[in-house]
């Protein structure tokens, strides 16, 4: 499912037009992105948790020749599904 299909499906399930649903989705994703950028976790009950994890830099061995290279510190977004979502995906009620 891509963004267009998501907006169309959500618009059909609500009282909003596709344009309004697209604007609502944009606003929601902007809010989630801003919260993650500021270091906050975003929890949506019955769906899951978005957060940013910090990974320290490290030195790795080259596989294409002799020597090593350094990977810088980085922040990575992660998603952890809720128990309710996992049950739903398994087909349990």
PDB file of N, CA and C in Angstrom:
ATOM      1  N   UNK A   1       0.852  -1.174   0.000  1.00  0.00           N
ATOM      2  CA  UNK A   1       0.000   0.000   0.000  1.00  0.00           C
ATOM      3  C   UNK A   1       0.894   1.232   0.000  1.00  0.00           C
ATOM      4  N   UNK A   2       0.660   2.133  -0.919  1.00  0.00           N
ATOM      5  CA  UNK A   2       1.420   3.370  -0.945  1.00  0.00           C
ATOM      6  C   UNK A   2       0.588   4.504  -0.324  1.00  0.00           C
ATOM      7  N   UNK A   3       1.161   5.691  -0.311  1.00  0.00           N
ATOM      8  CA  UNK A   3       0.514   6.832   0.352  1.00  0.00           C
ATOM      9  C   UNK A   3      -0.853   7.128  -0.267  1.00  0.00           C
ATOM     10  N   UNK A   4      -0.945   7.095  -1.582  1.00  0.00           N
ATOM     11  CA  UNK A   4      -2.201   7.398  -2.272  1.00  0.00           C
ATOM     12  C   UNK A   4      -3.294   6.409  -1.877  1.00  0.00           C
ATOM     13  N   UNK A   5      -2.963   5.123  -1.827  1.00  0.00           N
ATOM     14  CA  UNK A   5      -3.934   4.104  -1.439  1.00  0.00           C
ATOM     15  C   UNK A   5      -4.332   4.255   0.026  1.00  0.00           C
ATOM     16  N   UNK A   6      -3.384   4.601   0.870  1.00  0.00           N
ATOM     17  CA  UNK A   6      -3.676   4.822   2.286  1.00  0.00           C
ATOM     18  C   UNK A   6      -4.650   5.982   2.456  1.00  0.00           C
ATOM     19  N   UNK A   7      -4.399   7.087   1.786  1.00  0.00           N
ATOM     20  CA  UNK A   7      -5.281   8.259   1.880  1.00  0.00           C
ATOM     21  C   UNK A   7      -6.670   7.919   1.359  1.00  0.00           C
ATOM     22  N   UNK A   8      -6.746   7.227   0.237  1.00  0.00           N
ATOM     23  CA  UNK A   8      -8.049   6.874  -0.341  1.00  0.00           C
ATOM     24  C   UNK A   8      -8.838   5.957   0.593  1.00  0.00           C
ATOM     25  N   UNK A   9      -8.175   4.963   1.162  1.00  0.00           N
ATOM     26  CA  UNK A   9      -8.853   4.042   2.076  1.00  0.00           C
ATOM     27  C   UNK A   9      -9.316   4.716   3.350  1.00  0.00           C
ATOM     28  N   UNK A  10      -8.480   5.577   3.896  1.00  0.00           N
ATOM     29  CA  UNK A  10      -8.861   6.289   5.117  1.00  0.00           C
ATOM     30  C   UNK A  10      -9.977   7.285   4.840  1.00  0.00           C
ATOM     31  N   UNK A  11      -9.973   7.914   3.673  1.00  0.00           N
ATOM     32  CA  UNK A  11     -11.039   8.855   3.320  1.00  0.00           C
ATOM     33  C   UNK A  11     -12.371   8.126   3.179  1.00  0.00           C
ATOM     34  N   UNK A  12     -12.350   6.925   2.585  1.00  0.00           N
ATOM     35  CA  UNK A  12     -13.581   6.140   2.463  1.00  0.00           C
ATOM     36  C   UNK A  12     -14.126   5.754   3.836  1.00  0.00           C
ATOM     37  N   UNK A  13     -13.233   5.509   4.811  1.00  0.00           N
ATOM     38  CA  UNK A  13     -13.649   5.069   6.140  1.00  0.00           C
ATOM     39  C   UNK A  13     -14.044   6.235   7.048  1.00  0.00           C
ATOM     40  N   UNK A  14     -13.890   7.467   6.563  1.00  0.00           N
ATOM     41  CA  UNK A  14     -14.209   8.633   7.392  1.00  0.00           C
ATOM     42  C   UNK A  14     -15.120   9.582   6.627  1.00  0.00           C
ATOM     43  N   UNK A  15     -15.407  10.717   7.239  1.00  0.00           N
ATOM     44  CA  UNK A  15     -16.232  11.740   6.603  1.00  0.00           C
ATOM     45  C   UNK A  15     -15.396  12.763   5.850  1.00  0.00           C
ATOM     46  N   UNK A  16     -14.097  12.526   5.714  1.00  0.00           N
ATOM     47  CA  UNK A  16     -13.210  13.482   5.067  1.00  0.00           C
ATOM     48  C   UNK A  16     -13.050  13.172   3.584  1.00  0.00           C
ATOM     49  N   UNK A  17     -12.765  14.217   2.806  1.00  0.00           N
ATOM     50  CA  UNK A  17     -12.437  14.012   1.399  1.00  0.00           C
ATOM     51  C   UNK A  17     -10.995  13.515   1.314  1.00  0.00           C
ATOM     52  N   UNK A  18     -10.588  13.061   0.128  1.00  0.00           N
ATOM     53  CA  UNK A  18      -9.212  12.604  -0.032  1.00  0.00           C
ATOM     54  C   UNK A  18      -8.238  13.756   0.177  1.00  0.00           C
ATOM     55  N   UNK A  19      -8.598  14.945  -0.255  1.00  0.00           N
ATOM     56  CA  UNK A  19      -7.730  16.109  -0.058  1.00  0.00           C
ATOM     57  C   UNK A  19      -7.564  16.406   1.440  1.00  0.00           C
ATOM     58  N   UNK A  20      -8.668  16.382   2.173  1.00  0.00           N
ATOM     59  CA  UNK A  20      -8.605  16.635   3.611  1.00  0.00           C
ATOM     60  C   UNK A  20      -7.815  15.539   4.325  1.00  0.00           C
ATOM     61  N   UNK A  21      -8.020  14.299   3.906  1.00  0.00           N
ATOM     62  CA  UNK A  21      -7.294  13.187   4.525  1.00  0.00           C
ATOM     63  C   UNK A  21      -5.808  13.293   4.215  1.00  0.00           C
ATOM     64  N   UNK A  22      -5.454  13.704   3.015  1.00  0.00           N
ATOM     65  CA  UNK A  22      -4.050  13.901   2.669  1.00  0.00           C
ATOM     66  C   UNK A  22      -3.414  14.979   3.533  1.00  0.00           C
ATOM     67  N   UNK A  23      -4.147  16.068   3.765  1.00  0.00           N
ATOM     68  CA  UNK A  23      -3.647  17.135   4.621  1.00  0.00           C
ATOM     69  C   UNK A  23      -3.514  16.653   6.067  1.00  0.00           C
ATOM     70  N   UNK A  24      -4.478  15.860   6.516  1.00  0.00           N
ATOM     71  CA  UNK A  24      -4.419  15.316   7.881  1.00  0.00           C
ATOM     72  C   UNK A  24      -3.231  14.367   8.026  1.00  0.00           C
ATOM     73  N   UNK A  25      -2.991  13.543   7.033  1.00  0.00           N
ATOM     74  CA  UNK A  25      -1.852  12.616   7.068  1.00  0.00           C
ATOM     75  C   UNK A  25      -0.541  13.388   7.091  1.00  0.00           C
ATOM     76  N   UNK A  26      -0.435  14.429   6.246  1.00  0.00           N
ATOM     77  CA  UNK A  26       0.771  15.255   6.245  1.00  0.00           C
ATOM     78  C   UNK A  26       1.020  15.883   7.613  1.00  0.00           C
ATOM     79  N   UNK A  27      -0.048  16.409   8.230  1.00  0.00           N
ATOM     80  CA  UNK A  27       0.084  17.040   9.546  1.00  0.00           C
ATOM     81  C   UNK A  27       0.503  16.012  10.599  1.00  0.00           C
ATOM     82  N   UNK A  28      -0.065  14.819  10.537  1.00  0.00           N
ATOM     83  CA  UNK A  28       0.272  13.756  11.484  1.00  0.00           C
ATOM     84  C   UNK A  28       1.721  13.332  11.337  1.00  0.00           C
ATOM     85  N   UNK A  29       2.161  13.124  10.101  1.00  0.00           N
ATOM     86  CA  UNK A  29       3.546  12.709   9.876  1.00  0.00           C
ATOM     87  C   UNK A  29       4.529  13.808  10.266  1.00  0.00           C
ATOM     88  N   UNK A  30       4.170  15.076  10.025  1.00  0.00           N
ATOM     89  CA  UNK A  30       5.023  16.184  10.460  1.00  0.00           C
ATOM     90  C   UNK A  30       5.150  16.208  11.976  1.00  0.00           C
ATOM     91  N   UNK A  31       4.032  16.002  12.678  1.00  0.00           N
ATOM     92  CA  UNK A  31       4.055  16.007  14.139  1.00  0.00           C
ATOM     93  C   UNK A  31       4.910  14.855  14.678  1.00  0.00           C
ATOM     94  N   UNK A  32       4.785  13.686  14.082  1.00  0.00           N
ATOM     95  CA  UNK A  32       5.600  12.540  14.508  1.00  0.00           C
ATOM     96  C   UNK A  32       7.070  12.818  14.239  1.00  0.00           C
ATOM     97  N   UNK A  33       7.386  13.340  13.061  1.00  0.00           N
ATOM     98  CA  UNK A  33       8.773  13.649  12.715  1.00  0.00           C
ATOM     99  C   UNK A  33       9.385  14.682  13.640  1.00  0.00           C
ATOM    100  N   UNK A  34       8.634  15.726  13.964  1.00  0.00           N
ATOM    101  CA  UNK A  34       9.145  16.755  14.877  1.00  0.00           C
ATOM    102  C   UNK A  34       9.384  16.192  16.272  1.00  0.00           C
ATOM    103  N   UNK A  35       8.457  15.347  16.744  1.00  0.00           N
ATOM    104  CA  UNK A  35       8.627  14.749  18.071  1.00  0.00           C
ATOM    105  C   UNK A  35       9.863  13.857  18.101  1.00  0.00           C
ATOM    106  N   UNK A  36      10.069  13.049  17.075  1.00  0.00           N
ATOM    107  CA  UNK A  36      11.236  12.178  17.028  1.00  0.00           C
ATOM    108  C   UNK A  36      12.522  12.993  16.926  1.00  0.00           C
ATOM    109  N   UNK A  37      12.504  14.062  16.134  1.00  0.00           N
ATOM    110  CA  UNK A  37      13.696  14.900  15.987  1.00  0.00           C
ATOM    111  C   UNK A  37      14.074  15.564  17.298  1.00  0.00           C
ATOM    112  N   UNK A  38      13.087  15.847  18.141  1.00  0.00           N
ATOM    113  CA  UNK A  38      13.382  16.485  19.426  1.00  0.00           C
ATOM    114  C   UNK A  38      13.698  15.463  20.517  1.00  0.00           C
ATOM    115  N   UNK A  39      13.698  14.180  20.172  1.00  0.00           N
ATOM    116  CA  UNK A  39      14.077  13.149  21.133  1.00  0.00           C
ATOM    117  C   UNK A  39      12.922  12.509  21.869  1.00  0.00           C
ATOM    118  N   UNK A  40      11.701  12.886  21.554  1.00  0.00           N
ATOM    119  CA  UNK A  40      10.529  12.305  22.211  1.00  0.00           C
ATOM    120  C   UNK A  40      10.124  11.006  21.522  1.00  0.00           C
ATOM    121  N   UNK A  41       9.526  10.109  22.275  1.00  0.00           N
ATOM    122  CA  UNK A  41       8.927   8.904  21.704  1.00  0.00           C
ATOM    123  C   UNK A  41       7.468   9.219  21.392  1.00  0.00           C
ATOM    124  N   UNK A  42       6.922   8.564  20.382  1.00  0.00           N
ATOM    125  CA  UNK A  42       5.523   8.739  20.010  1.00  0.00           C
ATOM    126  C   UNK A  42       4.828   7.399  20.200  1.00  0.00           C
ATOM    127  N   UNK A  43       3.824   7.373  21.077  1.00  0.00           N
ATOM    128  CA  UNK A  43       3.106   6.139  21.381  1.00  0.00           C
ATOM    129  C   UNK A  43       1.669   6.285  20.893  1.00  0.00           C
ATOM    130  N   UNK A  44       1.257   5.357  20.036  1.00  0.00           N
ATOM    131  CA  UNK A  44      -0.122   5.314  19.572  1.00  0.00           C
ATOM    132  C   UNK A  44      -0.702   4.013  20.112  1.00  0.00           C
ATOM    133  N   UNK A  45      -1.606   4.139  21.094  1.00  0.00           N
ATOM    134  CA  UNK A  45      -2.124   2.943  21.748  1.00  0.00           C
ATOM    135  C   UNK A  45      -2.795   2.035  20.727  1.00  0.00           C
ATOM    136  N   UNK A  46      -2.693   0.752  20.922  1.00  0.00           N
ATOM    137  CA  UNK A  46      -3.203  -0.303  20.043  1.00  0.00           C
ATOM    138  C   UNK A  46      -2.485  -0.354  18.698  1.00  0.00           C
ATOM    139  N   UNK A  47      -1.410   0.434  18.520  1.00  0.00           N
ATOM    140  CA  UNK A  47      -0.655   0.391  17.269  1.00  0.00           C
ATOM    141  C   UNK A  47       0.817   0.162  17.542  1.00  0.00           C
ATOM    142  N   UNK A  48       1.455   1.071  18.276  1.00  0.00           N
ATOM    143  CA  UNK A  48       2.862   0.876  18.567  1.00  0.00           C
ATOM    144  C   UNK A  48       3.560   2.137  19.032  1.00  0.00           C
ATOM    145  N   UNK A  49       4.881   2.040  19.075  1.00  0.00           N
ATOM    146  CA  UNK A  49       5.719   3.108  19.606  1.00  0.00           C
ATOM    147  C   UNK A  49       6.824   3.428  18.605  1.00  0.00           C
ATOM    148  N   UNK A  50       6.959   4.707  18.282  1.00  0.00           N
ATOM    149  CA  UNK A  50       8.057   5.192  17.456  1.00  0.00           C
ATOM    150  C   UNK A  50       9.050   5.870  18.381  1.00  0.00           C
ATOM    151  N   UNK A  51      10.327   5.609  18.193  1.00  0.00           N
ATOM    152  CA  UNK A  51      11.346   6.278  18.987  1.00  0.00           C
ATOM    153  C   UNK A  51      12.636   6.348  18.180  1.00  0.00           C
ATOM    154  N   UNK A  52      13.590   7.102  18.695  1.00  0.00           N
ATOM    155  CA  UNK A  52      14.892   7.237  18.049  1.00  0.00           C
ATOM    156  C   UNK A  52      15.925   6.583  18.950  1.00  0.00           C
ATOM    157  N   UNK A  53      16.741   5.726  18.369  1.00  0.00           N
ATOM    158  CA  UNK A  53      17.817   5.090  19.128  1.00  0.00           C
ATOM    159  C   UNK A  53      19.149   5.655  18.661  1.00  0.00           C
ATOM    160  N   UNK A  54      20.028   5.817  19.611  1.00  0.00           N
ATOM    161  CA  UNK A  54      21.377   6.326  19.336  1.00  0.00           C
ATOM    162  C   UNK A  54      22.315   5.138  19.191  1.00  0.00           C
ATOM    163  N   UNK A  55      23.060   5.109  18.104  1.00  0.00           N
ATOM    164  CA  UNK A  55      24.061   4.076  17.905  1.00  0.00           C
ATOM    165  C   UNK A  55      25.430   4.738  17.863  1.00  0.00           C
ATOM    166  N   UNK A  56      26.338   4.296  18.714  1.00  0.00           N
ATOM    167  CA  UNK A  56      27.662   4.917  18.740  1.00  0.00           C
ATOM    168  C   UNK A  56      28.478   4.538  17.504  1.00  0.00           C
ATOM    169  N   UNK A  57      29.377   5.410  17.140  1.00  0.00           N
ATOM    170  CA  UNK A  57      30.276   5.123  16.030  1.00  0.00           C
ATOM    171  C   UNK A  57      31.216   3.985  16.404  1.00  0.00           C
ATOM    172  N   UNK A  58      31.753   3.351  15.394  1.00  0.00           N
ATOM    173  CA  UNK A  58      32.678   2.251  15.673  1.00  0.00           C
ATOM    174  C   UNK A  58      33.605   2.064  14.478  1.00  0.00           C
ATOM    175  N   UNK A  59      34.611   1.285  14.700  1.00  0.00           N
ATOM    176  CA  UNK A  59      35.609   1.018  13.672  1.00  0.00           C
ATOM    177  C   UNK A  59      35.346  -0.379  13.115  1.00  0.00           C
ATOM    178  N   UNK A  60      35.227  -0.493  11.797  1.00  0.00           N
ATOM    179  CA  UNK A  60      34.925  -1.769  11.152  1.00  0.00           C
ATOM    180  C   UNK A  60      36.051  -2.170  10.214  1.00  0.00           C
ATOM    181  N   UNK A  61      36.200  -3.466  10.036  1.00  0.00           N
ATOM    182  CA  UNK A  61      37.215  -3.992   9.139  1.00  0.00           C
ATOM    183  C   UNK A  61      36.684  -3.977   7.715  1.00  0.00           C
ATOM    184  N   UNK A  62      37.539  -3.614   6.788  1.00  0.00           N
ATOM    185  CA  UNK A  62      37.164  -3.617   5.369  1.00  0.00           C
ATOM    186  C   UNK A  62      37.118  -5.055   4.853  1.00  0.00           C
ATOM    187  N   UNK A  63      36.131  -5.347   4.017  1.00  0.00           N
ATOM    188  CA  UNK A  63      36.050  -6.660   3.390  1.00  0.00           C
ATOM    189  C   UNK A  63      36.624  -6.640   1.981  1.00  0.00           C
ATOM    190  N   UNK A  64      36.802  -5.444   1.414  1.00  0.00           N
ATOM    191  CA  UNK A  64      37.294  -5.335   0.048  1.00  0.00           C
ATOM    192  C   UNK A  64      38.789  -5.063  -0.024  1.00  0.00           C
ATOM    193  N   UNK A  65      39.464  -5.156   1.075  1.00  0.00           N
ATOM    194  CA  UNK A  65      40.901  -4.906   1.090  1.00  0.00           C
ATOM    195  C   UNK A  65      41.386  -4.737   2.516  1.00  0.00           C
ATOM    196  N   UNK A  66      42.665  -4.433   2.672  1.00  0.00           N
ATOM    197  CA  UNK A  66      43.212  -4.288   4.021  1.00  0.00           C
ATOM    198  C   UNK A  66      42.760  -2.968   4.650  1.00  0.00           C
ATOM    199  N   UNK A  67      42.761  -2.952   5.958  1.00  0.00           N
ATOM    200  CA  UNK A  67      42.469  -1.722   6.684  1.00  0.00           C
ATOM    201  C   UNK A  67      41.106  -1.718   7.346  1.00  0.00           C
ATOM    202  N   UNK A  68      40.775  -0.560   7.893  1.00  0.00           N
ATOM    203  CA  UNK A  68      39.522  -0.352   8.618  1.00  0.00           C
ATOM    204  C   UNK A  68      38.878   0.944   8.145  1.00  0.00           C
ATOM    205  N   UNK A  69      37.616   1.112   8.509  1.00  0.00           N
ATOM    206  CA  UNK A  69      36.942   2.385   8.274  1.00  0.00           C
ATOM    207  C   UNK A  69      36.074   2.681   9.481  1.00  0.00           C
ATOM    208  N   UNK A  70      35.708   3.938   9.648  1.00  0.00           N
ATOM    209  CA  UNK A  70      34.947   4.373  10.812  1.00  0.00           C
ATOM    210  C   UNK A  70      33.523   4.728  10.417  1.00  0.00           C
ATOM    211  N   UNK A  71      32.571   4.233  11.193  1.00  0.00           N
ATOM    212  CA  UNK A  71      31.165   4.587  11.026  1.00  0.00           C
ATOM    213  C   UNK A  71      30.854   5.612  12.114  1.00  0.00           C
ATOM    214  N   UNK A  72      30.290   6.745  11.728  1.00  0.00           N
ATOM    215  CA  UNK A  72      29.995   7.831  12.674  1.00  0.00           C
ATOM    216  C   UNK A  72      28.812   7.477  13.574  1.00  0.00           C
ATOM    217  N   UNK A  73      28.683   8.205  14.684  1.00  0.00           N
ATOM    218  CA  UNK A  73      27.504   8.089  15.541  1.00  0.00           C
ATOM    219  C   UNK A  73      26.275   8.381  14.689  1.00  0.00           C
ATOM    220  N   UNK A  74      25.167   7.725  15.010  1.00  0.00           N
ATOM    221  CA  UNK A  74      23.959   7.995  14.232  1.00  0.00           C
ATOM    222  C   UNK A  74      22.715   7.771  15.078  1.00  0.00           C
ATOM    223  N   UNK A  75      21.667   8.454  14.669  1.00  0.00           N
ATOM    224  CA  UNK A  75      20.353   8.301  15.292  1.00  0.00           C
ATOM    225  C   UNK A  75      19.457   7.611  14.283  1.00  0.00           C
ATOM    226  N   UNK A  76      18.773   6.555  14.735  1.00  0.00           N
ATOM    227  CA  UNK A  76      17.973   5.736  13.830  1.00  0.00           C
ATOM    228  C   UNK A  76      16.544   5.645  14.369  1.00  0.00           C
ATOM    229  N   UNK A  77      15.526   5.923  13.524  1.00  0.00           N
ATOM    230  CA  UNK A  77      14.144   5.751  13.983  1.00  0.00           C
ATOM    231  C   UNK A  77      13.791   4.265  14.030  1.00  0.00           C
ATOM    232  N   UNK A  78      13.079   3.873  15.079  1.00  0.00           N
ATOM    233  CA  UNK A  78      12.644   2.483  15.221  1.00  0.00           C
ATOM    234  C   UNK A  78      11.165   2.452  15.587  1.00  0.00           C
ATOM    235  N   UNK A  79      10.516   1.357  15.227  1.00  0.00           N
ATOM    236  CA  UNK A  79       9.099   1.151  15.534  1.00  0.00           C
ATOM    237  C   UNK A  79       8.955  -0.162  16.269  1.00  0.00           C
ATOM    238  N   UNK A  80       8.208  -0.143  17.364  1.00  0.00           N
ATOM    239  CA  UNK A  80       7.910  -1.357  18.132  1.00  0.00           C
ATOM    240  C   UNK A  80       6.402  -1.500  18.154  1.00  0.00           C
ATOM    241  N   UNK A  81       5.899  -2.584  17.570  1.00  0.00           N
ATOM    242  CA  UNK A  81       4.454  -2.774  17.505  1.00  0.00           C
ATOM    243  C   UNK A  81       3.885  -3.106  18.878  1.00  0.00           C
ATOM    244  N   UNK A  82       2.620  -2.747  19.077  1.00  0.00           N
ATOM    245  CA  UNK A  82       1.953  -3.048  20.348  1.00  0.00           C
ATOM    246  C   UNK A  82       1.516  -4.509  20.353  1.00  0.00           C
ATOM    247  N   UNK A  83       1.220  -5.001  21.534  1.00  0.00           N
ATOM    248  CA  UNK A  83       0.742  -6.381  21.656  1.00  0.00           C
ATOM    249  C   UNK A  83      -0.579  -6.546  20.915  1.00  0.00           C
ATOM    250  N   UNK A  84      -1.434  -5.532  20.959  1.00  0.00           N
ATOM    251  CA  UNK A  84      -2.728  -5.602  20.265  1.00  0.00           C
ATOM    252  C   UNK A  84      -2.530  -5.721  18.756  1.00  0.00           C
ATOM    253  N   UNK A  85      -1.591  -4.986  18.191  1.00  0.00           N
ATOM    254  CA  UNK A  85      -1.322  -5.071  16.753  1.00  0.00           C
ATOM    255  C   UNK A  85      -0.739  -6.432  16.396  1.00  0.00           C
ATOM    256  N   UNK A  86       0.160  -6.944  17.225  1.00  0.00           N
ATOM    257  CA  UNK A  86       0.739  -8.263  16.955  1.00  0.00           C
ATOM    258  C   UNK A  86      -0.330  -9.354  16.989  1.00  0.00           C
ATOM    259  N   UNK A  87      -1.265  -9.270  17.957  1.00  0.00           N
ATOM    260  CA  UNK A  87      -2.359 -10.241  18.010  1.00  0.00           C
ATOM    261  C   UNK A  87      -3.221 -10.143  16.756  1.00  0.00           C
ATOM    262  N   UNK A  88      -3.499  -8.923  16.309  1.00  0.00           N
ATOM    263  CA  UNK A  88      -4.324  -8.722  15.121  1.00  0.00           C
ATOM    264  C   UNK A  88      -3.643  -9.305  13.883  1.00  0.00           C
ATOM    265  N   UNK A  89      -2.346  -9.147  13.770  1.00  0.00           N
ATOM    266  CA  UNK A  89      -1.618  -9.681  12.624  1.00  0.00           C
ATOM    267  C   UNK A  89      -1.582 -11.206  12.627  1.00  0.00           C
ATOM    268  N   UNK A  90      -1.587 -11.793  13.827  1.00  0.00           N
ATOM    269  CA  UNK A  90      -1.605 -13.250  13.924  1.00  0.00           C
ATOM    270  C   UNK A  90      -2.992 -13.830  13.709  1.00  0.00           C
ATOM    271  N   UNK A  91      -4.009 -12.961  13.608  1.00  0.00           N
ATOM    272  CA  UNK A  91      -5.370 -13.442  13.400  1.00  0.00           C
ATOM    273  C   UNK A  91      -6.121 -13.726  14.673  1.00  0.00           C
ATOM    274  N   UNK A  92      -5.539 -13.372  15.807  1.00  0.00           N
ATOM    275  CA  UNK A  92      -6.220 -13.553  17.089  1.00  0.00           C
ATOM    276  C   UNK A  92      -7.079 -12.318  17.344  1.00  0.00           C
ATOM    277  N   UNK A  93      -8.140 -12.471  18.087  1.00  0.00           N
ATOM    278  CA  UNK A  93      -8.987 -11.323  18.382  1.00  0.00           C
ATOM    279  C   UNK A  93      -8.590 -10.670  19.605  1.00  0.00           C
TER     280      UNK A  93
END
